Amino acid sequence: MLRQRVITALVLVAVLLATLMSASRWPFALLTLALMAAGGWEWARLNQSAPAASLAMGAAVALAGLLSVLAGWVDDAPPALWRVAAVIWVAGGALALGRGTESWRHLPRLGRLVLGLIAIWLAWLALAHARSIGINFMLSVLCLVWMADVAAYFGGKAFGRRKLAVTISPGKSWEGVWSGMAGVLVLSLVWVWLDGHAPVDGPSLYTRLYTAVGSMALAPALLALCGLSVAGDLIESMVKRAAGAKDSSQLLPGHGGVLDRVDALLPVLPAALALITWRTPP
């Protein structure tokens, strides 16, 4: 299993780095759209859709992405789009997690599919837009989620006592959440320092947040993004539990499926853009 995980990770990193190094941003956008379309297929399967309907879901994600490109939203998406997405994730995520797995099972399948389509499409659009802002910015958003996850894992192993959501994801603890948030705050300080001493192609998320929301609101904004990353992870776990599945698929040997890798990014990507465009007119 470990060998599979390492090989898959190395292949994915190599392919993604090759697209990022391209003079054009479109190879990265198209590759990630293909991955998100696979995530759409996984979402439909987890929600008891037939094989043909699952393939149609993946195609719908790809189509929504291509229509976004034609509309020019990869470069200039309406700021209101990110704000609406963030509000839906905060309110809808809290409602879904509060009601739990059984409530999710009883939602109409069409409603679950539409919610998944919107969430996955918006995450891809936010990722592609983040790439158009700059590689430094995009990587700083991705690293926020990765740091929150890694620090939560080790913090939970070392200090975990109080369960976060025992019926959804028994391994997660409140101590892990706090550890993840502490890791992100440290990461932000280091990255802001690097922005000032070794800028790449533009400011990171952390520097942009400092400019957009001010020093007093910077830490709460980062903690809110960490909270959303946890919510994204828990919601995918809830959907898998409702389906009786351990992984979203086996598309990535040793890692499960695409949704298993991007679940925490689904809410964080649009929310990060909502925060940095806080003062921009809709």
Protein backbone atom coordinates (compact mmCIF):
# COMPACT_ATOMS: atom_id res chain seq x y z
CA MET A 1 0.00 0.00 0.00
CA LEU A 2 2.76 2.46 0.93
CA ARG A 3 4.59 1.75 -2.32
CA GLN A 4 1.40 2.40 -4.30
CA ARG A 5 0.80 5.66 -2.43
CA VAL A 6 4.32 6.89 -3.10
CA ILE A 7 4.29 5.95 -6.80
CA THR A 8 0.88 7.55 -7.36
CA ALA A 9 1.90 10.70 -5.50
CA LEU A 10 5.14 11.02 -7.49
CA VAL A 11 3.34 10.59 -10.80
CA LEU A 12 0.68 13.17 -9.86
CA VAL A 13 3.26 15.68 -8.65
CA ALA A 14 5.36 15.23 -11.80
CA VAL A 15 2.37 15.76 -14.11
CA LEU A 16 1.06 18.75 -12.15
CA LEU A 17 4.50 20.39 -12.02
CA ALA A 18 4.90 19.91 -15.77
CA THR A 19 1.61 21.73 -16.41
CA LEU A 20 2.50 24.49 -13.93
CA MET A 21 5.84 25.07 -15.66
CA SER A 22 4.14 25.50 -19.01
CA ALA A 23 4.18 29.01 -20.46
CA SER A 24 0.41 28.70 -20.85
CA ARG A 25 -1.90 28.20 -17.89
CA TRP A 26 -4.34 26.09 -19.93
CA PRO A 27 -2.60 22.69 -19.55
CA PHE A 28 -3.01 23.00 -15.76
CA ALA A 29 -6.60 24.20 -16.10
CA LEU A 30 -7.57 21.34 -18.42
CA LEU A 31 -5.78 18.68 -16.36
CA THR A 32 -7.45 19.80 -13.15
CA LEU A 33 -10.81 20.02 -14.92
CA ALA A 34 -10.40 16.39 -16.00
CA LEU A 35 -9.62 15.45 -12.38
CA MET A 36 -12.63 17.37 -11.08
CA ALA A 37 -14.83 15.71 -13.71
CA ALA A 38 -13.64 12.39 -12.32
CA GLY A 39 -14.63 13.73 -8.90
CA GLY A 40 -18.10 14.44 -10.27
CA TRP A 41 -18.33 10.83 -11.47
CA GLU A 42 -17.31 9.66 -7.99
CA TRP A 43 -19.89 11.92 -6.34
CA ALA A 44 -22.70 10.48 -8.44
CA ARG A 45 -21.60 6.92 -7.67
CA LEU A 46 -21.48 7.66 -3.94
CA ASN A 47 -25.04 8.95 -4.22
CA GLN A 48 -26.37 5.71 -5.73
CA SER A 49 -26.52 6.82 -9.36
CA ALA A 50 -26.47 4.34 -12.22
CA PRO A 51 -23.24 4.03 -14.28
CA ALA A 52 -24.64 6.11 -17.16
CA ALA A 53 -25.86 8.83 -14.79
CA SER A 54 -22.47 8.88 -13.06
CA LEU A 55 -20.70 9.39 -16.37
CA ALA A 56 -23.19 12.14 -17.20
CA MET A 57 -22.33 13.84 -13.92
CA GLY A 58 -18.65 13.86 -14.79
CA ALA A 59 -19.48 15.25 -18.22
CA ALA A 60 -21.64 17.95 -16.61
CA VAL A 61 -18.71 19.10 -14.43
CA ALA A 62 -16.47 19.26 -17.51
CA LEU A 63 -19.13 21.14 -19.48
CA ALA A 64 -19.67 23.65 -16.67
CA GLY A 65 -15.92 24.26 -16.59
CA LEU A 66 -15.68 24.77 -20.34
CA LEU A 67 -18.64 27.17 -20.30
CA SER A 68 -16.87 29.11 -17.55
CA VAL A 69 -13.82 29.41 -19.80
CA LEU A 70 -15.97 30.71 -22.67
CA ALA A 71 -17.59 33.23 -20.31
CA GLY A 72 -14.16 34.54 -19.31
CA TRP A 73 -14.66 33.62 -15.66
CA VAL A 74 -11.27 31.93 -15.29
CA ASP A 75 -9.69 35.38 -15.52
CA ASP A 76 -12.51 37.59 -14.27
CA ALA A 77 -15.16 35.75 -12.26
CA PRO A 78 -17.78 37.93 -10.52
CA PRO A 79 -16.65 38.46 -6.88
CA ALA A 80 -20.26 37.86 -5.80
CA LEU A 81 -19.91 34.26 -7.00
CA TRP A 82 -17.26 33.52 -4.37
CA ARG A 83 -19.26 35.23 -1.64
CA VAL A 84 -22.38 33.24 -2.41
CA ALA A 85 -20.34 30.04 -2.50
CA ALA A 86 -18.78 30.82 0.88
CA VAL A 87 -22.16 31.55 2.47
CA ILE A 88 -23.63 28.33 1.08
CA TRP A 89 -20.71 26.30 2.40
CA VAL A 90 -20.89 27.85 5.87
CA ALA A 91 -24.68 27.58 6.23
CA GLY A 92 -25.21 24.40 4.23
CA GLY A 93 -22.19 22.65 5.73
CA ALA A 94 -23.31 23.39 9.27
CA LEU A 95 -26.83 22.18 8.46
CA ALA A 96 -25.66 18.97 6.76
CA LEU A 97 -23.23 18.04 9.52
CA GLY A 98 -25.72 18.94 12.22
CA ARG A 99 -28.37 16.62 10.76
CA GLY A 100 -25.95 13.82 10.03
CA THR A 101 -25.70 10.80 7.78
CA GLU A 102 -29.29 9.59 7.96
CA SER A 103 -30.63 12.98 6.95
CA TRP A 104 -28.30 13.01 3.94
CA ARG A 105 -29.58 9.61 2.80
CA HIS A 106 -33.13 10.93 2.77
CA LEU A 107 -32.42 13.97 0.62
CA PRO A 108 -33.70 13.59 -2.96
CA ARG A 109 -30.94 12.17 -5.13
CA LEU A 110 -31.33 14.94 -7.71
CA GLY A 111 -30.74 17.54 -5.01
CA ARG A 112 -27.60 15.76 -3.83
CA LEU A 113 -26.29 15.59 -7.40
CA VAL A 114 -26.96 19.27 -8.05
CA LEU A 115 -25.21 20.26 -4.82
CA GLY A 116 -22.21 18.14 -5.78
CA LEU A 117 -22.10 19.56 -9.30
CA ILE A 118 -22.10 23.14 -8.02
CA ALA A 119 -19.50 22.48 -5.32
CA ILE A 120 -17.08 20.65 -7.61
CA TRP A 121 -17.48 23.12 -10.48
CA LEU A 122 -16.93 26.12 -8.21
CA ALA A 123 -13.85 24.51 -6.67
CA TRP A 124 -12.34 23.96 -10.11
CA LEU A 125 -13.20 27.49 -11.23
CA ALA A 126 -11.65 28.91 -8.06
CA LEU A 127 -8.51 26.80 -8.59
CA ALA A 128 -8.17 27.92 -12.23
CA HIS A 129 -8.77 31.54 -11.21
CA ALA A 130 -6.20 31.24 -8.42
CA ARG A 131 -3.68 30.01 -11.01
CA SER A 132 -4.43 33.06 -13.15
CA ILE A 133 -3.74 35.30 -10.13
CA GLY A 134 -0.35 33.66 -9.64
CA ILE A 135 1.36 30.39 -8.79
CA ASN A 136 2.48 31.78 -5.43
CA PHE A 137 -1.11 32.64 -4.53
CA MET A 138 -2.50 29.30 -5.69
CA LEU A 139 0.14 27.28 -3.85
CA SER A 140 -0.40 29.27 -0.66
CA VAL A 141 -4.10 28.30 -0.70
CA LEU A 142 -3.31 24.64 -1.35
CA CYS A 143 -0.64 24.60 1.34
CA LEU A 144 -3.09 26.05 3.88
CA VAL A 145 -5.26 22.95 3.45
CA TRP A 146 -2.29 20.58 3.43
CA MET A 147 -0.78 22.15 6.54
CA ALA A 148 -4.12 22.05 8.36
CA ASP A 149 -4.44 18.36 7.48
CA VAL A 150 -0.88 17.34 8.37
CA ALA A 151 -0.72 19.33 11.62
CA ALA A 152 -4.17 18.01 12.60
CA TYR A 153 -3.01 14.44 12.02
CA PHE A 154 0.08 14.72 14.19
CA GLY A 155 -1.64 16.91 16.79
CA GLY A 156 -4.52 14.47 17.00
CA LYS A 157 -2.15 11.51 17.38
CA ALA A 158 -0.24 13.25 20.15
CA PHE A 159 -2.97 15.07 22.05
CA GLY A 160 -6.33 13.84 20.75
CA ARG A 161 -8.84 13.20 23.52
CA ARG A 162 -12.17 14.76 22.57
CA LYS A 163 -13.81 13.36 19.44
CA LEU A 164 -14.87 15.88 16.82
CA ALA A 165 -17.58 13.92 14.98
CA VAL A 166 -17.61 10.35 16.23
CA THR A 167 -20.51 9.21 14.04
CA ILE A 168 -18.97 10.62 10.86
CA SER A 169 -15.18 10.39 11.25
CA PRO A 170 -14.19 8.72 14.54
CA GLY A 171 -10.48 9.39 14.08
CA LYS A 172 -10.77 13.18 14.21
CA SER A 173 -10.43 15.13 17.44
CA TRP A 174 -10.83 18.73 18.58
CA GLU A 175 -7.17 18.74 19.58
CA GLY A 176 -6.32 17.84 15.98
CA VAL A 177 -8.39 20.76 14.73
CA TRP A 178 -6.60 23.20 17.05
CA SER A 179 -3.23 21.76 16.00
CA GLY A 180 -4.12 22.26 12.35
CA MET A 181 -5.11 25.86 12.98
CA ALA A 182 -1.88 26.53 14.88
CA GLY A 183 0.11 25.06 11.99
CA VAL A 184 -1.63 27.33 9.50
CA LEU A 185 -0.96 30.44 11.59
CA VAL A 186 2.75 29.57 11.70
CA LEU A 187 2.74 28.87 7.97
CA SER A 188 1.14 32.25 7.26
CA LEU A 189 3.85 34.10 9.21
CA VAL A 190 6.61 32.30 7.32
CA TRP A 191 4.95 32.88 3.96
CA VAL A 192 4.36 36.59 4.56
CA TRP A 193 8.04 36.91 5.44
CA LEU A 194 9.00 35.07 2.25
CA ASP A 195 6.71 37.33 0.19
CA GLY A 196 8.69 40.29 1.45
CA HIS A 197 12.11 38.78 0.83
CA ALA A 198 11.72 36.43 -2.14
CA PRO A 199 8.56 37.26 -4.14
CA VAL A 200 7.74 34.88 -6.97
CA ASP A 201 4.96 36.09 -9.26
CA GLY A 202 2.76 38.00 -6.84
CA PRO A 203 1.58 38.06 -3.23
CA SER A 204 0.39 34.91 -1.47
CA LEU A 205 -3.03 34.38 0.06
CA TYR A 206 -1.68 35.50 3.43
CA THR A 207 -0.28 38.81 2.19
CA ARG A 208 -3.41 39.48 0.16
CA LEU A 209 -5.61 38.73 3.17
CA TYR A 210 -3.60 41.15 5.27
CA THR A 211 -4.28 43.81 2.63
CA ALA A 212 -7.95 42.89 2.16
CA VAL A 213 -9.16 42.40 5.73
CA GLY A 214 -6.47 44.05 7.86
CA SER A 215 -4.15 42.77 10.57
CA MET A 216 -6.88 42.38 13.22
CA ALA A 217 -8.99 40.14 11.01
CA LEU A 218 -6.15 38.11 9.46
CA ALA A 219 -6.00 35.37 12.09
CA PRO A 220 -9.82 34.95 12.28
CA ALA A 221 -9.95 34.75 8.47
CA LEU A 222 -7.31 32.02 8.40
CA LEU A 223 -9.02 30.13 11.21
CA ALA A 224 -12.29 30.33 9.29
CA LEU A 225 -10.60 28.80 6.24
CA CYS A 226 -9.20 26.03 8.44
CA GLY A 227 -12.68 25.39 9.78
CA LEU A 228 -14.03 25.11 6.25
CA SER A 229 -11.29 22.64 5.33
CA VAL A 230 -12.43 20.44 8.23
CA ALA A 231 -16.06 20.83 7.13
CA GLY A 232 -15.22 19.77 3.57
CA ASP A 233 -13.42 16.68 4.86
CA LEU A 234 -16.28 15.76 7.21
CA ILE A 235 -18.97 16.23 4.56
CA GLU A 236 -17.20 13.88 2.16
CA SER A 237 -16.79 11.38 5.01
CA MET A 238 -20.51 11.70 5.74
CA VAL A 239 -21.40 11.05 2.09
CA LYS A 240 -19.11 8.00 2.00
CA ARG A 241 -20.56 6.70 5.26
CA ALA A 242 -24.08 7.12 3.85
CA ALA A 243 -23.00 5.10 0.82
CA GLY A 244 -21.20 2.48 2.89
CA ALA A 245 -17.93 3.23 1.08
CA LYS A 246 -14.39 3.55 2.46
CA ASP A 247 -13.05 5.59 -0.49
CA SER A 248 -14.71 7.69 -3.16
CA SER A 249 -13.20 5.36 -5.81
CA GLN A 250 -9.94 3.58 -6.63
CA LEU A 251 -8.85 5.95 -9.39
CA LEU A 252 -5.67 6.91 -7.49
CA PRO A 253 -4.01 3.67 -6.34
CA GLY A 254 -3.10 3.86 -2.69
CA HIS A 255 -4.98 7.13 -2.21
CA GLY A 256 -8.57 6.22 -3.02
CA GLY A 257 -10.34 8.64 -5.32
CA VAL A 258 -10.10 12.24 -6.45
CA LEU A 259 -12.65 13.44 -3.89
CA ASP A 260 -10.59 11.81 -1.13
CA ARG A 261 -7.73 14.15 -2.12
CA VAL A 262 -9.67 17.36 -2.75
CA ASP A 263 -12.56 17.21 -0.26
CA ALA A 264 -11.09 19.89 2.04
CA LEU A 265 -10.31 22.12 -0.94
CA LEU A 266 -13.91 22.24 -2.17
CA PRO A 267 -15.02 24.92 0.31
CA VAL A 268 -11.63 26.56 0.92
CA LEU A 269 -10.83 27.57 -2.68
CA PRO A 270 -13.95 29.73 -3.28
CA ALA A 271 -13.91 31.02 0.32
CA ALA A 272 -10.30 32.19 -0.03
CA LEU A 273 -11.26 34.16 -3.14
CA ALA A 274 -14.29 35.58 -1.32
CA LEU A 275 -12.01 36.90 1.42
CA ILE A 276 -9.44 38.54 -0.84
CA THR A 277 -12.19 40.24 -2.88
CA TRP A 278 -14.03 41.35 0.27
CA ARG A 279 -13.88 45.03 -0.66
CA THR A 280 -14.35 44.56 -4.40
CA PRO A 281 -17.77 45.62 -5.76
CA PRO A 282 -19.89 42.65 -6.96
